[in-house]
Amino acid sequence: MNKEELGGKWQQIVEDLSKKFGDGETLDVDSILFLIGVQELGLGLKKFKKDEKINLMHVAICSLLQPYGYYNYIGRDDEGWPHFELVDTLPALKPGEQSVLMKQAIIKYFDN
């Protein structure tokens, strides 16, 4: 995916999700990761504690990077939380490269 295509698709996702969940504000990557985590958890939208919010973002990152071969889904615990195992070490990426990888993974997630 070239830079222009990435930018256009990313902007469309941000606009769509911001309209639906942003209460008039534009969502950032972290907010979108939170929403993906809630979706992957599958228990609906509710009030989450601070540590649960961090765990939701972790679930989102694992879910997003699973198709790239970095994580493997291993199942859910007794409370319904999905768990993953690290399959391959993530490459050392500069912050800008990390951002591009996450945006590409989010685009792929919403394309499916």
N, C-alpha and C. Protein backbone atom coordinates (compact mmCIF):
# COMPACT_ATOMS: atom_id res chain seq x y z
N MET A 1 0.86 -1.17 0.00
CA MET A 1 0.00 0.00 0.00
C MET A 1 0.91 1.23 0.00
N ASN A 2 0.70 2.10 -0.98
CA ASN A 2 1.55 3.29 -1.04
C ASN A 2 1.09 4.33 -0.02
N LYS A 3 1.90 5.36 0.14
CA LYS A 3 1.67 6.38 1.17
C LYS A 3 0.34 7.10 0.98
N GLU A 4 -0.01 7.44 -0.26
CA GLU A 4 -1.27 8.14 -0.53
C GLU A 4 -2.47 7.26 -0.23
N GLU A 5 -2.40 6.00 -0.66
CA GLU A 5 -3.49 5.07 -0.41
C GLU A 5 -3.67 4.85 1.09
N LEU A 6 -2.56 4.67 1.81
CA LEU A 6 -2.60 4.52 3.25
C LEU A 6 -3.25 5.73 3.90
N GLY A 7 -2.82 6.92 3.49
CA GLY A 7 -3.37 8.14 4.08
C GLY A 7 -4.86 8.29 3.83
N GLY A 8 -5.30 7.98 2.62
CA GLY A 8 -6.71 8.10 2.29
C GLY A 8 -7.58 7.11 3.05
N LYS A 9 -7.14 5.86 3.09
CA LYS A 9 -7.90 4.84 3.80
C LYS A 9 -7.91 5.11 5.30
N TRP A 10 -6.76 5.53 5.82
CA TRP A 10 -6.67 5.85 7.25
C TRP A 10 -7.63 6.99 7.59
N GLN A 11 -7.62 8.03 6.80
CA GLN A 11 -8.48 9.18 7.06
C GLN A 11 -9.95 8.78 7.04
N GLN A 12 -10.32 7.90 6.13
CA GLN A 12 -11.72 7.45 6.05
C GLN A 12 -12.13 6.68 7.30
N ILE A 13 -11.24 5.82 7.79
CA ILE A 13 -11.52 5.07 9.02
C ILE A 13 -11.66 6.03 10.20
N VAL A 14 -10.75 6.98 10.31
CA VAL A 14 -10.80 7.96 11.41
C VAL A 14 -12.11 8.74 11.35
N GLU A 15 -12.49 9.20 10.16
CA GLU A 15 -13.74 9.97 10.02
C GLU A 15 -14.95 9.12 10.40
N ASP A 16 -15.02 7.90 9.89
CA ASP A 16 -16.17 7.03 10.17
C ASP A 16 -16.29 6.72 11.65
N LEU A 17 -15.18 6.34 12.28
CA LEU A 17 -15.23 6.00 13.70
C LEU A 17 -15.46 7.23 14.57
N SER A 18 -14.90 8.36 14.17
CA SER A 18 -15.10 9.59 14.93
C SER A 18 -16.56 10.01 14.92
N LYS A 19 -17.21 9.85 13.78
CA LYS A 19 -18.64 10.18 13.68
C LYS A 19 -19.46 9.28 14.59
N LYS A 20 -19.09 8.01 14.63
CA LYS A 20 -19.86 7.03 15.38
C LYS A 20 -19.57 7.05 16.88
N PHE A 21 -18.29 7.27 17.25
CA PHE A 21 -17.89 7.12 18.65
C PHE A 21 -17.19 8.35 19.26
N GLY A 22 -16.93 9.38 18.46
CA GLY A 22 -16.07 10.46 18.92
C GLY A 22 -16.72 11.59 19.68
N ASP A 23 -18.04 11.60 19.81
CA ASP A 23 -18.71 12.70 20.51
C ASP A 23 -18.22 14.06 20.03
N GLY A 24 -18.07 14.21 18.71
CA GLY A 24 -17.63 15.47 18.13
C GLY A 24 -16.14 15.65 18.06
N GLU A 25 -15.37 14.70 18.59
CA GLU A 25 -13.91 14.79 18.55
C GLU A 25 -13.36 13.78 17.56
N THR A 26 -12.17 14.07 17.05
CA THR A 26 -11.50 13.16 16.13
C THR A 26 -10.72 12.13 16.94
N LEU A 27 -10.97 10.86 16.65
CA LEU A 27 -10.28 9.79 17.37
C LEU A 27 -8.84 9.66 16.90
N ASP A 28 -7.96 9.27 17.83
CA ASP A 28 -6.56 9.01 17.48
C ASP A 28 -6.33 7.50 17.47
N VAL A 29 -5.11 7.09 17.19
CA VAL A 29 -4.77 5.67 17.09
C VAL A 29 -5.11 4.94 18.39
N ASP A 30 -4.77 5.53 19.53
CA ASP A 30 -5.04 4.87 20.81
C ASP A 30 -6.53 4.65 21.03
N SER A 31 -7.34 5.63 20.66
CA SER A 31 -8.79 5.50 20.80
C SER A 31 -9.33 4.39 19.90
N ILE A 32 -8.78 4.30 18.71
CA ILE A 32 -9.21 3.26 17.78
C ILE A 32 -8.76 1.89 18.27
N LEU A 33 -7.57 1.81 18.84
CA LEU A 33 -7.12 0.56 19.44
C LEU A 33 -8.05 0.13 20.57
N PHE A 34 -8.46 1.08 21.39
CA PHE A 34 -9.40 0.79 22.47
C PHE A 34 -10.70 0.20 21.90
N LEU A 35 -11.24 0.82 20.85
CA LEU A 35 -12.48 0.34 20.24
C LEU A 35 -12.31 -1.07 19.67
N ILE A 36 -11.18 -1.33 19.04
CA ILE A 36 -10.92 -2.67 18.50
C ILE A 36 -10.82 -3.67 19.64
N GLY A 37 -10.18 -3.29 20.73
CA GLY A 37 -10.10 -4.16 21.90
C GLY A 37 -11.47 -4.50 22.46
N VAL A 38 -12.34 -3.50 22.54
CA VAL A 38 -13.71 -3.73 23.01
C VAL A 38 -14.42 -4.70 22.06
N GLN A 39 -14.25 -4.50 20.76
CA GLN A 39 -14.86 -5.37 19.77
C GLN A 39 -14.35 -6.81 19.92
N GLU A 40 -13.05 -6.96 20.07
CA GLU A 40 -12.46 -8.29 20.19
C GLU A 40 -12.84 -8.97 21.50
N LEU A 41 -13.00 -8.19 22.56
CA LEU A 41 -13.44 -8.74 23.84
C LEU A 41 -14.85 -9.30 23.70
N GLY A 42 -15.70 -8.55 22.99
CA GLY A 42 -17.03 -9.04 22.68
C GLY A 42 -18.04 -8.99 23.81
N LEU A 43 -17.78 -8.22 24.83
CA LEU A 43 -18.70 -8.12 25.96
C LEU A 43 -19.50 -6.82 25.95
N GLY A 44 -19.39 -6.05 24.89
CA GLY A 44 -20.12 -4.80 24.77
C GLY A 44 -19.38 -3.64 25.39
N LEU A 45 -19.91 -2.45 25.16
CA LEU A 45 -19.31 -1.23 25.68
C LEU A 45 -19.81 -1.00 27.10
N LYS A 46 -18.90 -0.81 28.00
CA LYS A 46 -19.22 -0.55 29.41
C LYS A 46 -18.12 0.29 29.99
N LYS A 47 -18.23 0.62 31.25
CA LYS A 47 -17.15 1.33 31.93
C LYS A 47 -16.03 0.34 32.22
N PHE A 48 -14.83 0.71 31.80
CA PHE A 48 -13.67 -0.14 32.06
C PHE A 48 -12.73 0.58 33.01
N LYS A 49 -12.10 -0.20 33.91
CA LYS A 49 -11.09 0.34 34.80
C LYS A 49 -9.84 0.64 33.98
N LYS A 50 -8.93 1.43 34.58
CA LYS A 50 -7.71 1.84 33.87
C LYS A 50 -6.91 0.63 33.39
N ASP A 51 -6.73 -0.38 34.25
CA ASP A 51 -5.95 -1.55 33.83
C ASP A 51 -6.67 -2.35 32.76
N GLU A 52 -8.00 -2.36 32.78
CA GLU A 52 -8.76 -3.03 31.74
C GLU A 52 -8.60 -2.31 30.40
N LYS A 53 -8.54 -0.99 30.44
CA LYS A 53 -8.35 -0.22 29.20
C LYS A 53 -6.99 -0.56 28.57
N ILE A 54 -5.98 -0.67 29.42
CA ILE A 54 -4.65 -1.05 28.92
C ILE A 54 -4.69 -2.46 28.34
N ASN A 55 -5.38 -3.36 29.03
CA ASN A 55 -5.52 -4.74 28.53
C ASN A 55 -6.29 -4.78 27.21
N LEU A 56 -7.30 -3.93 27.06
CA LEU A 56 -8.06 -3.87 25.81
C LEU A 56 -7.17 -3.43 24.65
N MET A 57 -6.30 -2.48 24.91
CA MET A 57 -5.39 -2.02 23.87
C MET A 57 -4.40 -3.14 23.51
N HIS A 58 -3.97 -3.91 24.50
CA HIS A 58 -3.08 -5.04 24.25
C HIS A 58 -3.80 -6.10 23.40
N VAL A 59 -5.05 -6.38 23.73
CA VAL A 59 -5.85 -7.33 22.95
C VAL A 59 -5.94 -6.85 21.50
N ALA A 60 -6.17 -5.55 21.32
CA ALA A 60 -6.27 -4.98 19.97
C ALA A 60 -4.96 -5.16 19.21
N ILE A 61 -3.85 -4.82 19.85
CA ILE A 61 -2.55 -4.93 19.18
C ILE A 61 -2.26 -6.38 18.80
N CYS A 62 -2.52 -7.30 19.70
CA CYS A 62 -2.30 -8.72 19.39
C CYS A 62 -3.20 -9.17 18.25
N SER A 63 -4.45 -8.76 18.28
CA SER A 63 -5.40 -9.12 17.22
C SER A 63 -4.96 -8.55 15.89
N LEU A 64 -4.49 -7.32 15.90
CA LEU A 64 -4.07 -6.66 14.67
C LEU A 64 -2.79 -7.27 14.09
N LEU A 65 -1.89 -7.69 14.96
CA LEU A 65 -0.60 -8.22 14.50
C LEU A 65 -0.61 -9.73 14.29
N GLN A 66 -1.69 -10.38 14.67
CA GLN A 66 -1.80 -11.83 14.46
C GLN A 66 -1.70 -12.20 12.98
N PRO A 67 -2.39 -11.51 12.05
CA PRO A 67 -2.26 -11.87 10.64
C PRO A 67 -0.84 -11.69 10.08
N TYR A 68 -0.03 -10.89 10.75
CA TYR A 68 1.36 -10.68 10.32
C TYR A 68 2.29 -11.75 10.89
N GLY A 69 1.75 -12.66 11.72
CA GLY A 69 2.54 -13.76 12.26
C GLY A 69 3.27 -13.47 13.56
N TYR A 70 2.94 -12.35 14.21
CA TYR A 70 3.63 -12.01 15.46
C TYR A 70 2.97 -12.62 16.69
N TYR A 71 1.66 -12.82 16.64
CA TYR A 71 0.94 -13.38 17.77
C TYR A 71 0.05 -14.52 17.30
N ASN A 72 -0.24 -15.42 18.25
CA ASN A 72 -1.15 -16.53 17.99
C ASN A 72 -2.22 -16.51 19.08
N TYR A 73 -3.46 -16.58 18.67
CA TYR A 73 -4.58 -16.62 19.62
C TYR A 73 -4.57 -17.97 20.30
N ILE A 74 -4.63 -17.98 21.65
CA ILE A 74 -4.60 -19.25 22.37
C ILE A 74 -5.90 -19.56 23.10
N GLY A 75 -6.82 -18.61 23.18
CA GLY A 75 -8.11 -18.87 23.81
C GLY A 75 -8.52 -17.76 24.77
N ARG A 76 -9.62 -18.01 25.44
CA ARG A 76 -10.18 -17.05 26.39
C ARG A 76 -10.08 -17.59 27.81
N ASP A 77 -9.96 -16.66 28.75
CA ASP A 77 -9.92 -17.07 30.14
C ASP A 77 -11.35 -17.19 30.68
N ASP A 78 -11.48 -17.46 31.97
CA ASP A 78 -12.79 -17.67 32.59
C ASP A 78 -13.67 -16.42 32.54
N GLU A 79 -13.06 -15.24 32.42
CA GLU A 79 -13.82 -14.00 32.35
C GLU A 79 -14.13 -13.58 30.91
N GLY A 80 -13.67 -14.38 29.95
CA GLY A 80 -13.96 -14.10 28.55
C GLY A 80 -12.91 -13.27 27.82
N TRP A 81 -11.80 -12.98 28.48
CA TRP A 81 -10.75 -12.17 27.85
C TRP A 81 -9.90 -13.04 26.93
N PRO A 82 -9.67 -12.58 25.69
CA PRO A 82 -8.82 -13.34 24.78
C PRO A 82 -7.34 -13.24 25.19
N HIS A 83 -6.62 -14.33 24.95
CA HIS A 83 -5.19 -14.36 25.26
C HIS A 83 -4.41 -14.80 24.02
N PHE A 84 -3.20 -14.28 23.91
CA PHE A 84 -2.33 -14.52 22.78
C PHE A 84 -0.95 -14.89 23.27
N GLU A 85 -0.22 -15.59 22.42
CA GLU A 85 1.18 -15.85 22.71
C GLU A 85 2.02 -15.19 21.62
N LEU A 86 3.18 -14.71 22.02
CA LEU A 86 4.10 -14.10 21.06
C LEU A 86 4.75 -15.23 20.27
N VAL A 87 4.63 -15.15 18.95
CA VAL A 87 5.18 -16.18 18.07
C VAL A 87 6.52 -15.74 17.51
N ASP A 88 6.61 -14.49 17.14
CA ASP A 88 7.83 -13.96 16.53
C ASP A 88 8.10 -12.59 17.12
N THR A 89 9.33 -12.31 17.42
CA THR A 89 9.71 -11.02 17.99
C THR A 89 9.44 -9.91 17.00
N LEU A 90 8.85 -8.87 17.50
CA LEU A 90 8.59 -7.71 16.65
C LEU A 90 9.90 -7.06 16.25
N PRO A 91 10.01 -6.61 15.02
CA PRO A 91 11.25 -5.96 14.59
C PRO A 91 11.42 -4.61 15.30
N ALA A 92 12.64 -4.18 15.41
CA ALA A 92 12.91 -2.85 15.98
C ALA A 92 12.49 -1.81 14.95
N LEU A 93 11.48 -1.06 15.30
CA LEU A 93 10.94 -0.04 14.39
C LEU A 93 11.07 1.33 15.02
N LYS A 94 11.34 2.32 14.18
CA LYS A 94 11.32 3.70 14.64
C LYS A 94 9.87 4.09 14.89
N PRO A 95 9.62 5.12 15.73
CA PRO A 95 8.24 5.51 16.04
C PRO A 95 7.37 5.73 14.79
N GLY A 96 7.89 6.36 13.78
CA GLY A 96 7.12 6.59 12.56
C GLY A 96 6.77 5.29 11.86
N GLU A 97 7.71 4.34 11.89
CA GLU A 97 7.46 3.03 11.29
C GLU A 97 6.42 2.24 12.08
N GLN A 98 6.46 2.38 13.40
CA GLN A 98 5.46 1.73 14.25
C GLN A 98 4.07 2.25 13.92
N SER A 99 3.98 3.55 13.74
CA SER A 99 2.71 4.19 13.41
C SER A 99 2.17 3.68 12.08
N VAL A 100 3.04 3.58 11.09
CA VAL A 100 2.62 3.09 9.77
C VAL A 100 2.14 1.64 9.87
N LEU A 101 2.88 0.79 10.61
CA LEU A 101 2.49 -0.61 10.78
C LEU A 101 1.12 -0.70 11.44
N MET A 102 0.89 0.06 12.49
CA MET A 102 -0.39 0.00 13.19
C MET A 102 -1.53 0.51 12.29
N LYS A 103 -1.28 1.58 11.56
CA LYS A 103 -2.31 2.09 10.66
C LYS A 103 -2.63 1.08 9.57
N GLN A 104 -1.61 0.44 9.01
CA GLN A 104 -1.83 -0.59 8.00
C GLN A 104 -2.64 -1.75 8.58
N ALA A 105 -2.29 -2.16 9.78
CA ALA A 105 -2.99 -3.28 10.44
C ALA A 105 -4.44 -2.90 10.74
N ILE A 106 -4.68 -1.67 11.16
CA ILE A 106 -6.05 -1.22 11.43
C ILE A 106 -6.85 -1.18 10.14
N ILE A 107 -6.26 -0.68 9.07
CA ILE A 107 -6.94 -0.65 7.77
C ILE A 107 -7.30 -2.07 7.36
N LYS A 108 -6.36 -2.99 7.48
CA LYS A 108 -6.61 -4.39 7.12
C LYS A 108 -7.74 -4.97 7.98
N TYR A 109 -7.75 -4.63 9.25
CA TYR A 109 -8.80 -5.11 10.18
C TYR A 109 -10.17 -4.66 9.70
N PHE A 110 -10.30 -3.40 9.34
CA PHE A 110 -11.60 -2.88 8.93
C PHE A 110 -11.96 -3.25 7.49
N ASP A 111 -10.98 -3.62 6.69
CA ASP A 111 -11.27 -4.11 5.34
C ASP A 111 -11.87 -5.51 5.39
N ASN A 112 -11.55 -6.25 6.45
CA ASN A 112 -12.08 -7.62 6.59
C ASN A 112 -13.40 -7.54 7.24
